Amino acid sequence: MAEKYTVHDYTVEQILNFIKSNEIAIPEIQRPFVWKGWQVRDLEDSLYQSYPTGYIIISKSPDLKLKDGSLSIGKKIMIDGQ
């Protein structure tokens, strides 16, 4: 049976670089940002302390509609973990 997914260990810096270089996109189906300020602060503190923080699920789909109305051709798509 073919492997359906792979796990990669990326640093926060690498993920931020994906965002800055426009390699990663948010699909139209993703809900709006809902975290409170204290939740963001706690996540940043966890990252700073090097605590495990869970997973970000990314997919590649060439024809998924993005938030800006364009298609996801050649981009990594943030499915979960916004």
PDB file of N, CA and C in Angstrom:
ATOM      1  N   MET A   1       0.833  -1.175   0.000  1.00  0.00           N
ATOM      2  CA  MET A   1       0.000   0.000   0.000  1.00  0.00           C
ATOM      3  C   MET A   1       0.887   1.251   0.000  1.00  0.00           C
ATOM      4  N   ALA A   2       0.565   2.195  -0.832  1.00  0.00           N
ATOM      5  CA  ALA A   2       1.341   3.429  -0.926  1.00  0.00           C
ATOM      6  C   ALA A   2       1.111   4.296   0.315  1.00  0.00           C
ATOM      7  N   GLU A   3       2.160   4.975   0.723  1.00  0.00           N
ATOM      8  CA  GLU A   3       2.055   5.873   1.875  1.00  0.00           C
ATOM      9  C   GLU A   3       1.195   7.068   1.517  1.00  0.00           C
ATOM     10  N   LYS A   4       0.254   7.414   2.387  1.00  0.00           N
ATOM     11  CA  LYS A   4      -0.676   8.511   2.110  1.00  0.00           C
ATOM     12  C   LYS A   4      -0.195   9.851   2.657  1.00  0.00           C
ATOM     13  N   TYR A   5       0.750   9.804   3.577  1.00  0.00           N
ATOM     14  CA  TYR A   5       1.262  11.050   4.123  1.00  0.00           C
ATOM     15  C   TYR A   5       2.689  10.853   4.611  1.00  0.00           C
ATOM     16  N   THR A   6       3.373  11.974   4.795  1.00  0.00           N
ATOM     17  CA  THR A   6       4.708  11.953   5.379  1.00  0.00           C
ATOM     18  C   THR A   6       4.750  12.991   6.492  1.00  0.00           C
ATOM     19  N   VAL A   7       5.649  12.783   7.424  1.00  0.00           N
ATOM     20  CA  VAL A   7       5.813  13.706   8.538  1.00  0.00           C
ATOM     21  C   VAL A   7       7.159  14.391   8.377  1.00  0.00           C
ATOM     22  N   HIS A   8       7.163  15.716   8.434  1.00  0.00           N
ATOM     23  CA  HIS A   8       8.389  16.505   8.351  1.00  0.00           C
ATOM     24  C   HIS A   8       8.508  17.362   9.606  1.00  0.00           C
ATOM     25  N   ASP A   9       9.708  17.480  10.102  1.00  0.00           N
ATOM     26  CA  ASP A   9       9.959  18.368  11.232  1.00  0.00           C
ATOM     27  C   ASP A   9      10.466  19.697  10.691  1.00  0.00           C
ATOM     28  N   TYR A  10       9.618  20.724  10.763  1.00  0.00           N
ATOM     29  CA  TYR A  10      10.010  22.063  10.347  1.00  0.00           C
ATOM     30  C   TYR A  10      10.119  22.947  11.575  1.00  0.00           C
ATOM     31  N   THR A  11      11.052  23.852  11.541  1.00  0.00           N
ATOM     32  CA  THR A  11      11.156  24.830  12.619  1.00  0.00           C
ATOM     33  C   THR A  11      10.121  25.933  12.382  1.00  0.00           C
ATOM     34  N   VAL A  12       9.852  26.695  13.403  1.00  0.00           N
ATOM     35  CA  VAL A  12       8.935  27.832  13.261  1.00  0.00           C
ATOM     36  C   VAL A  12       9.478  28.785  12.205  1.00  0.00           C
ATOM     37  N   GLU A  13      10.779  28.980  12.196  1.00  0.00           N
ATOM     38  CA  GLU A  13      11.399  29.860  11.205  1.00  0.00           C
ATOM     39  C   GLU A  13      11.146  29.370   9.776  1.00  0.00           C
ATOM     40  N   GLN A  14      11.247  28.068   9.552  1.00  0.00           N
ATOM     41  CA  GLN A  14      10.981  27.522   8.221  1.00  0.00           C
ATOM     42  C   GLN A  14       9.524  27.738   7.810  1.00  0.00           C
ATOM     43  N   ILE A  15       8.609  27.539   8.736  1.00  0.00           N
ATOM     44  CA  ILE A  15       7.185  27.749   8.431  1.00  0.00           C
ATOM     45  C   ILE A  15       6.924  29.217   8.120  1.00  0.00           C
ATOM     46  N   LEU A  16       7.522  30.121   8.885  1.00  0.00           N
ATOM     47  CA  LEU A  16       7.362  31.556   8.610  1.00  0.00           C
ATOM     48  C   LEU A  16       7.945  31.917   7.250  1.00  0.00           C
ATOM     49  N   ASN A  17       9.046  31.265   6.874  1.00  0.00           N
ATOM     50  CA  ASN A  17       9.623  31.503   5.543  1.00  0.00           C
ATOM     51  C   ASN A  17       8.706  30.999   4.434  1.00  0.00           C
ATOM     52  N   PHE A  18       8.013  29.875   4.656  1.00  0.00           N
ATOM     53  CA  PHE A  18       7.016  29.410   3.684  1.00  0.00           C
ATOM     54  C   PHE A  18       5.942  30.477   3.479  1.00  0.00           C
ATOM     55  N   ILE A  19       5.515  31.086   4.569  1.00  0.00           N
ATOM     56  CA  ILE A  19       4.472  32.116   4.496  1.00  0.00           C
ATOM     57  C   ILE A  19       5.001  33.360   3.790  1.00  0.00           C
ATOM     58  N   LYS A  20       6.195  33.816   4.177  1.00  0.00           N
ATOM     59  CA  LYS A  20       6.779  35.021   3.567  1.00  0.00           C
ATOM     60  C   LYS A  20       7.012  34.857   2.074  1.00  0.00           C
ATOM     61  N   SER A  21       7.409  33.642   1.652  1.00  0.00           N
ATOM     62  CA  SER A  21       7.703  33.411   0.239  1.00  0.00           C
ATOM     63  C   SER A  21       6.452  33.023  -0.553  1.00  0.00           C
ATOM     64  N   ASN A  22       5.308  33.075   0.107  1.00  0.00           N
ATOM     65  CA  ASN A  22       4.025  32.793  -0.533  1.00  0.00           C
ATOM     66  C   ASN A  22       3.926  31.337  -1.020  1.00  0.00           C
ATOM     67  N   GLU A  23       4.666  30.420  -0.369  1.00  0.00           N
ATOM     68  CA  GLU A  23       4.608  28.998  -0.719  1.00  0.00           C
ATOM     69  C   GLU A  23       3.441  28.295  -0.047  1.00  0.00           C
ATOM     70  N   ILE A  24       2.894  28.909   0.976  1.00  0.00           N
ATOM     71  CA  ILE A  24       1.815  28.292   1.740  1.00  0.00           C
ATOM     72  C   ILE A  24       0.599  29.209   1.665  1.00  0.00           C
ATOM     73  N   ALA A  25      -0.566  28.613   1.566  1.00  0.00           N
ATOM     74  CA  ALA A  25      -1.779  29.409   1.412  1.00  0.00           C
ATOM     75  C   ALA A  25      -2.901  28.838   2.280  1.00  0.00           C
ATOM     76  N   ILE A  26      -3.894  29.662   2.537  1.00  0.00           N
ATOM     77  CA  ILE A  26      -5.049  29.252   3.338  1.00  0.00           C
ATOM     78  C   ILE A  26      -6.232  29.057   2.408  1.00  0.00           C
ATOM     79  N   PRO A  27      -6.834  27.860   2.422  1.00  0.00           N
ATOM     80  CA  PRO A  27      -7.951  27.601   1.517  1.00  0.00           C
ATOM     81  C   PRO A  27      -9.209  28.363   1.922  1.00  0.00           C
ATOM     82  N   GLU A  28     -10.095  28.503   0.986  1.00  0.00           N
ATOM     83  CA  GLU A  28     -11.360  29.199   1.219  1.00  0.00           C
ATOM     84  C   GLU A  28     -12.157  28.533   2.350  1.00  0.00           C
ATOM     85  N   ILE A  29     -12.027  27.219   2.493  1.00  0.00           N
ATOM     86  CA  ILE A  29     -12.809  26.495   3.497  1.00  0.00           C
ATOM     87  C   ILE A  29     -12.335  26.732   4.927  1.00  0.00           C
ATOM     88  N   GLN A  30     -11.141  27.292   5.117  1.00  0.00           N
ATOM     89  CA  GLN A  30     -10.600  27.504   6.462  1.00  0.00           C
ATOM     90  C   GLN A  30     -11.390  28.600   7.171  1.00  0.00           C
ATOM     91  N   ARG A  31     -11.751  28.350   8.407  1.00  0.00           N
ATOM     92  CA  ARG A  31     -12.519  29.346   9.169  1.00  0.00           C
ATOM     93  C   ARG A  31     -11.650  30.557   9.503  1.00  0.00           C
ATOM     94  N   PRO A  32     -12.262  31.664   9.844  1.00  0.00           N
ATOM     95  CA  PRO A  32     -11.490  32.860  10.218  1.00  0.00           C
ATOM     96  C   PRO A  32     -10.705  32.629  11.518  1.00  0.00           C
ATOM     97  N   PHE A  33      -9.722  33.464  11.745  1.00  0.00           N
ATOM     98  CA  PHE A  33      -8.902  33.408  12.955  1.00  0.00           C
ATOM     99  C   PHE A  33      -9.794  33.653  14.163  1.00  0.00           C
ATOM    100  N   VAL A  34      -9.741  32.768  15.168  1.00  0.00           N
ATOM    101  CA  VAL A  34     -10.652  32.883  16.311  1.00  0.00           C
ATOM    102  C   VAL A  34      -9.954  32.933  17.670  1.00  0.00           C
ATOM    103  N   TRP A  35      -8.639  32.891  17.689  1.00  0.00           N
ATOM    104  CA  TRP A  35      -7.946  32.867  18.972  1.00  0.00           C
ATOM    105  C   TRP A  35      -8.023  34.217  19.671  1.00  0.00           C
ATOM    106  N   LYS A  36      -8.081  34.155  20.983  1.00  0.00           N
ATOM    107  CA  LYS A  36      -8.008  35.354  21.832  1.00  0.00           C
ATOM    108  C   LYS A  36      -6.525  35.718  21.998  1.00  0.00           C
ATOM    109  N   GLY A  37      -6.282  36.968  22.388  1.00  0.00           N
ATOM    110  CA  GLY A  37      -4.911  37.433  22.571  1.00  0.00           C
ATOM    111  C   GLY A  37      -4.106  36.588  23.541  1.00  0.00           C
ATOM    112  N   TRP A  38      -4.725  36.175  24.641  1.00  0.00           N
ATOM    113  CA  TRP A  38      -3.990  35.380  25.636  1.00  0.00           C
ATOM    114  C   TRP A  38      -3.636  33.997  25.095  1.00  0.00           C
ATOM    115  N   GLN A  39      -4.448  33.459  24.178  1.00  0.00           N
ATOM    116  CA  GLN A  39      -4.136  32.158  23.587  1.00  0.00           C
ATOM    117  C   GLN A  39      -2.918  32.268  22.662  1.00  0.00           C
ATOM    118  N   VAL A  40      -2.845  33.343  21.915  1.00  0.00           N
ATOM    119  CA  VAL A  40      -1.685  33.584  21.051  1.00  0.00           C
ATOM    120  C   VAL A  40      -0.439  33.744  21.917  1.00  0.00           C
ATOM    121  N   ARG A  41      -0.564  34.507  22.987  1.00  0.00           N
ATOM    122  CA  ARG A  41       0.567  34.701  23.900  1.00  0.00           C
ATOM    123  C   ARG A  41       1.036  33.373  24.479  1.00  0.00           C
ATOM    124  N   ASP A  42       0.093  32.524  24.896  1.00  0.00           N
ATOM    125  CA  ASP A  42       0.461  31.225  25.462  1.00  0.00           C
ATOM    126  C   ASP A  42       1.139  30.326  24.426  1.00  0.00           C
ATOM    127  N   LEU A  43       0.673  30.370  23.179  1.00  0.00           N
ATOM    128  CA  LEU A  43       1.333  29.596  22.123  1.00  0.00           C
ATOM    129  C   LEU A  43       2.761  30.088  21.913  1.00  0.00           C
ATOM    130  N   GLU A  44       2.926  31.399  21.836  1.00  0.00           N
ATOM    131  CA  GLU A  44       4.277  31.954  21.668  1.00  0.00           C
ATOM    132  C   GLU A  44       5.180  31.556  22.822  1.00  0.00           C
ATOM    133  N   ASP A  45       4.644  31.558  24.035  1.00  0.00           N
ATOM    134  CA  ASP A  45       5.430  31.150  25.193  1.00  0.00           C
ATOM    135  C   ASP A  45       5.813  29.676  25.086  1.00  0.00           C
ATOM    136  N   SER A  46       4.881  28.829  24.653  1.00  0.00           N
ATOM    137  CA  SER A  46       5.175  27.400  24.472  1.00  0.00           C
ATOM    138  C   SER A  46       6.274  27.193  23.437  1.00  0.00           C
ATOM    139  N   LEU A  47       6.196  27.939  22.333  1.00  0.00           N
ATOM    140  CA  LEU A  47       7.236  27.841  21.304  1.00  0.00           C
ATOM    141  C   LEU A  47       8.579  28.291  21.855  1.00  0.00           C
ATOM    142  N   TYR A  48       8.582  29.382  22.604  1.00  0.00           N
ATOM    143  CA  TYR A  48       9.814  29.910  23.187  1.00  0.00           C
ATOM    144  C   TYR A  48      10.436  28.899  24.155  1.00  0.00           C
ATOM    145  N   GLN A  49       9.593  28.193  24.903  1.00  0.00           N
ATOM    146  CA  GLN A  49      10.065  27.211  25.881  1.00  0.00           C
ATOM    147  C   GLN A  49      10.399  25.858  25.228  1.00  0.00           C
ATOM    148  N   SER A  50      10.184  25.750  23.913  1.00  0.00           N
ATOM    149  CA  SER A  50      10.414  24.510  23.146  1.00  0.00           C
ATOM    150  C   SER A  50       9.497  23.370  23.573  1.00  0.00           C
ATOM    151  N   TYR A  51       8.292  23.700  24.017  1.00  0.00           N
ATOM    152  CA  TYR A  51       7.307  22.669  24.337  1.00  0.00           C
ATOM    153  C   TYR A  51       6.699  22.142  23.042  1.00  0.00           C
ATOM    154  N   PRO A  52       6.286  20.887  23.032  1.00  0.00           N
ATOM    155  CA  PRO A  52       5.604  20.369  21.840  1.00  0.00           C
ATOM    156  C   PRO A  52       4.288  21.123  21.643  1.00  0.00           C
ATOM    157  N   THR A  53       3.966  21.409  20.419  1.00  0.00           N
ATOM    158  CA  THR A  53       2.769  22.217  20.161  1.00  0.00           C
ATOM    159  C   THR A  53       1.782  21.560  19.210  1.00  0.00           C
ATOM    160  N   GLY A  54       2.007  20.335  18.814  1.00  0.00           N
ATOM    161  CA  GLY A  54       1.068  19.669  17.923  1.00  0.00           C
ATOM    162  C   GLY A  54       1.532  19.723  16.483  1.00  0.00           C
ATOM    163  N   TYR A  55       0.593  19.551  15.587  1.00  0.00           N
ATOM    164  CA  TYR A  55       0.907  19.438  14.171  1.00  0.00           C
ATOM    165  C   TYR A  55       0.229  20.525  13.354  1.00  0.00           C
ATOM    166  N   ILE A  56       0.833  20.823  12.242  1.00  0.00           N
ATOM    167  CA  ILE A  56       0.217  21.632  11.201  1.00  0.00           C
ATOM    168  C   ILE A  56       0.013  20.681  10.031  1.00  0.00           C
ATOM    169  N   ILE A  57      -1.189  20.601   9.530  1.00  0.00           N
ATOM    170  CA  ILE A  57      -1.478  19.696   8.419  1.00  0.00           C
ATOM    171  C   ILE A  57      -1.495  20.497   7.127  1.00  0.00           C
ATOM    172  N   ILE A  58      -0.637  20.067   6.193  1.00  0.00           N
ATOM    173  CA  ILE A  58      -0.477  20.759   4.919  1.00  0.00           C
ATOM    174  C   ILE A  58      -0.712  19.768   3.796  1.00  0.00           C
ATOM    175  N   SER A  59      -1.384  20.224   2.763  1.00  0.00           N
ATOM    176  CA  SER A  59      -1.692  19.389   1.615  1.00  0.00           C
ATOM    177  C   SER A  59      -1.267  20.104   0.344  1.00  0.00           C
ATOM    178  N   LYS A  60      -1.183  19.360  -0.743  1.00  0.00           N
ATOM    179  CA  LYS A  60      -0.955  19.967  -2.059  1.00  0.00           C
ATOM    180  C   LYS A  60      -2.114  19.567  -2.944  1.00  0.00           C
ATOM    181  N   SER A  61      -2.864  20.538  -3.385  1.00  0.00           N
ATOM    182  CA  SER A  61      -3.994  20.297  -4.275  1.00  0.00           C
ATOM    183  C   SER A  61      -3.978  21.415  -5.311  1.00  0.00           C
ATOM    184  N   PRO A  62      -3.775  21.094  -6.578  1.00  0.00           N
ATOM    185  CA  PRO A  62      -3.609  22.137  -7.598  1.00  0.00           C
ATOM    186  C   PRO A  62      -4.868  22.930  -7.929  1.00  0.00           C
ATOM    187  N   ASP A  63      -6.023  22.448  -7.487  1.00  0.00           N
ATOM    188  CA  ASP A  63      -7.238  23.152  -7.898  1.00  0.00           C
ATOM    189  C   ASP A  63      -8.129  23.581  -6.734  1.00  0.00           C
ATOM    190  N   LEU A  64      -7.538  23.754  -5.563  1.00  0.00           N
ATOM    191  CA  LEU A  64      -8.300  24.193  -4.405  1.00  0.00           C
ATOM    192  C   LEU A  64      -8.427  25.712  -4.419  1.00  0.00           C
ATOM    193  N   LYS A  65      -9.618  26.223  -4.172  1.00  0.00           N
ATOM    194  CA  LYS A  65      -9.845  27.666  -4.159  1.00  0.00           C
ATOM    195  C   LYS A  65      -9.324  28.261  -2.850  1.00  0.00           C
ATOM    196  N   LEU A  66      -8.567  29.346  -2.960  1.00  0.00           N
ATOM    197  CA  LEU A  66      -7.980  30.008  -1.801  1.00  0.00           C
ATOM    198  C   LEU A  66      -8.855  31.169  -1.325  1.00  0.00           C
ATOM    199  N   LYS A  67      -8.519  31.696  -0.146  1.00  0.00           N
ATOM    200  CA  LYS A  67      -9.269  32.822   0.431  1.00  0.00           C
ATOM    201  C   LYS A  67      -9.337  34.011  -0.515  1.00  0.00           C
ATOM    202  N   ASP A  68      -8.268  34.239  -1.294  1.00  0.00           N
ATOM    203  CA  ASP A  68      -8.248  35.392  -2.203  1.00  0.00           C
ATOM    204  C   ASP A  68      -8.942  35.114  -3.535  1.00  0.00           C
ATOM    205  N   GLY A  69      -9.532  33.907  -3.681  1.00  0.00           N
ATOM    206  CA  GLY A  69     -10.255  33.567  -4.902  1.00  0.00           C
ATOM    207  C   GLY A  69      -9.420  32.871  -5.964  1.00  0.00           C
ATOM    208  N   SER A  70      -8.104  32.864  -5.803  1.00  0.00           N
ATOM    209  CA  SER A  70      -7.234  32.207  -6.785  1.00  0.00           C
ATOM    210  C   SER A  70      -7.193  30.702  -6.518  1.00  0.00           C
ATOM    211  N   LEU A  71      -6.507  29.964  -7.393  1.00  0.00           N
ATOM    212  CA  LEU A  71      -6.338  28.528  -7.207  1.00  0.00           C
ATOM    213  C   LEU A  71      -4.969  28.240  -6.592  1.00  0.00           C
ATOM    214  N   SER A  72      -4.853  27.104  -5.966  1.00  0.00           N
ATOM    215  CA  SER A  72      -3.668  26.765  -5.178  1.00  0.00           C
ATOM    216  C   SER A  72      -2.525  26.150  -5.972  1.00  0.00           C
ATOM    217  N   ILE A  73      -2.467  26.362  -7.242  1.00  0.00           N
ATOM    218  CA  ILE A  73      -1.466  25.737  -8.109  1.00  0.00           C
ATOM    219  C   ILE A  73      -0.048  25.970  -7.556  1.00  0.00           C
ATOM    220  N   GLY A  74       0.663  24.858  -7.248  1.00  0.00           N
ATOM    221  CA  GLY A  74       2.048  24.914  -6.785  1.00  0.00           C
ATOM    222  C   GLY A  74       2.256  25.345  -5.346  1.00  0.00           C
ATOM    223  N   LYS A  75       1.187  25.489  -4.565  1.00  0.00           N
ATOM    224  CA  LYS A  75       1.340  25.957  -3.181  1.00  0.00           C
ATOM    225  C   LYS A  75       1.031  24.854  -2.179  1.00  0.00           C
ATOM    226  N   LYS A  76       1.602  24.993  -0.996  1.00  0.00           N
ATOM    227  CA  LYS A  76       1.252  24.149   0.136  1.00  0.00           C
ATOM    228  C   LYS A  76      -0.027  24.744   0.735  1.00  0.00           C
ATOM    229  N   ILE A  77      -0.981  23.908   1.080  1.00  0.00           N
ATOM    230  CA  ILE A  77      -2.263  24.377   1.576  1.00  0.00           C
ATOM    231  C   ILE A  77      -2.401  24.046   3.054  1.00  0.00           C
ATOM    232  N   MET A  78      -2.646  25.071   3.869  1.00  0.00           N
ATOM    233  CA  MET A  78      -2.834  24.886   5.312  1.00  0.00           C
ATOM    234  C   MET A  78      -4.231  24.315   5.550  1.00  0.00           C
ATOM    235  N   ILE A  79      -4.299  23.038   5.922  1.00  0.00           N
ATOM    236  CA  ILE A  79      -5.579  22.396   6.164  1.00  0.00           C
ATOM    237  C   ILE A  79      -5.991  22.583   7.623  1.00  0.00           C
ATOM    238  N   ASP A  80      -5.050  22.468   8.546  1.00  0.00           N
ATOM    239  CA  ASP A  80      -5.358  22.632   9.954  1.00  0.00           C
ATOM    240  C   ASP A  80      -4.134  23.193  10.666  1.00  0.00           C
ATOM    241  N   GLY A  81      -4.388  23.988  11.689  1.00  0.00           N
ATOM    242  CA  GLY A  81      -3.300  24.543  12.468  1.00  0.00           C
ATOM    243  C   GLY A  81      -3.116  26.041  12.283  1.00  0.00           C
ATOM    244  N   GLN A  82      -4.098  26.707  11.729  1.00  0.00           N
ATOM    245  CA  GLN A  82      -3.983  28.138  11.427  1.00  0.00           C
ATOM    246  C   GLN A  82      -3.588  28.945  12.626  1.00  0.00           C
TER     247      GLN A  82
END
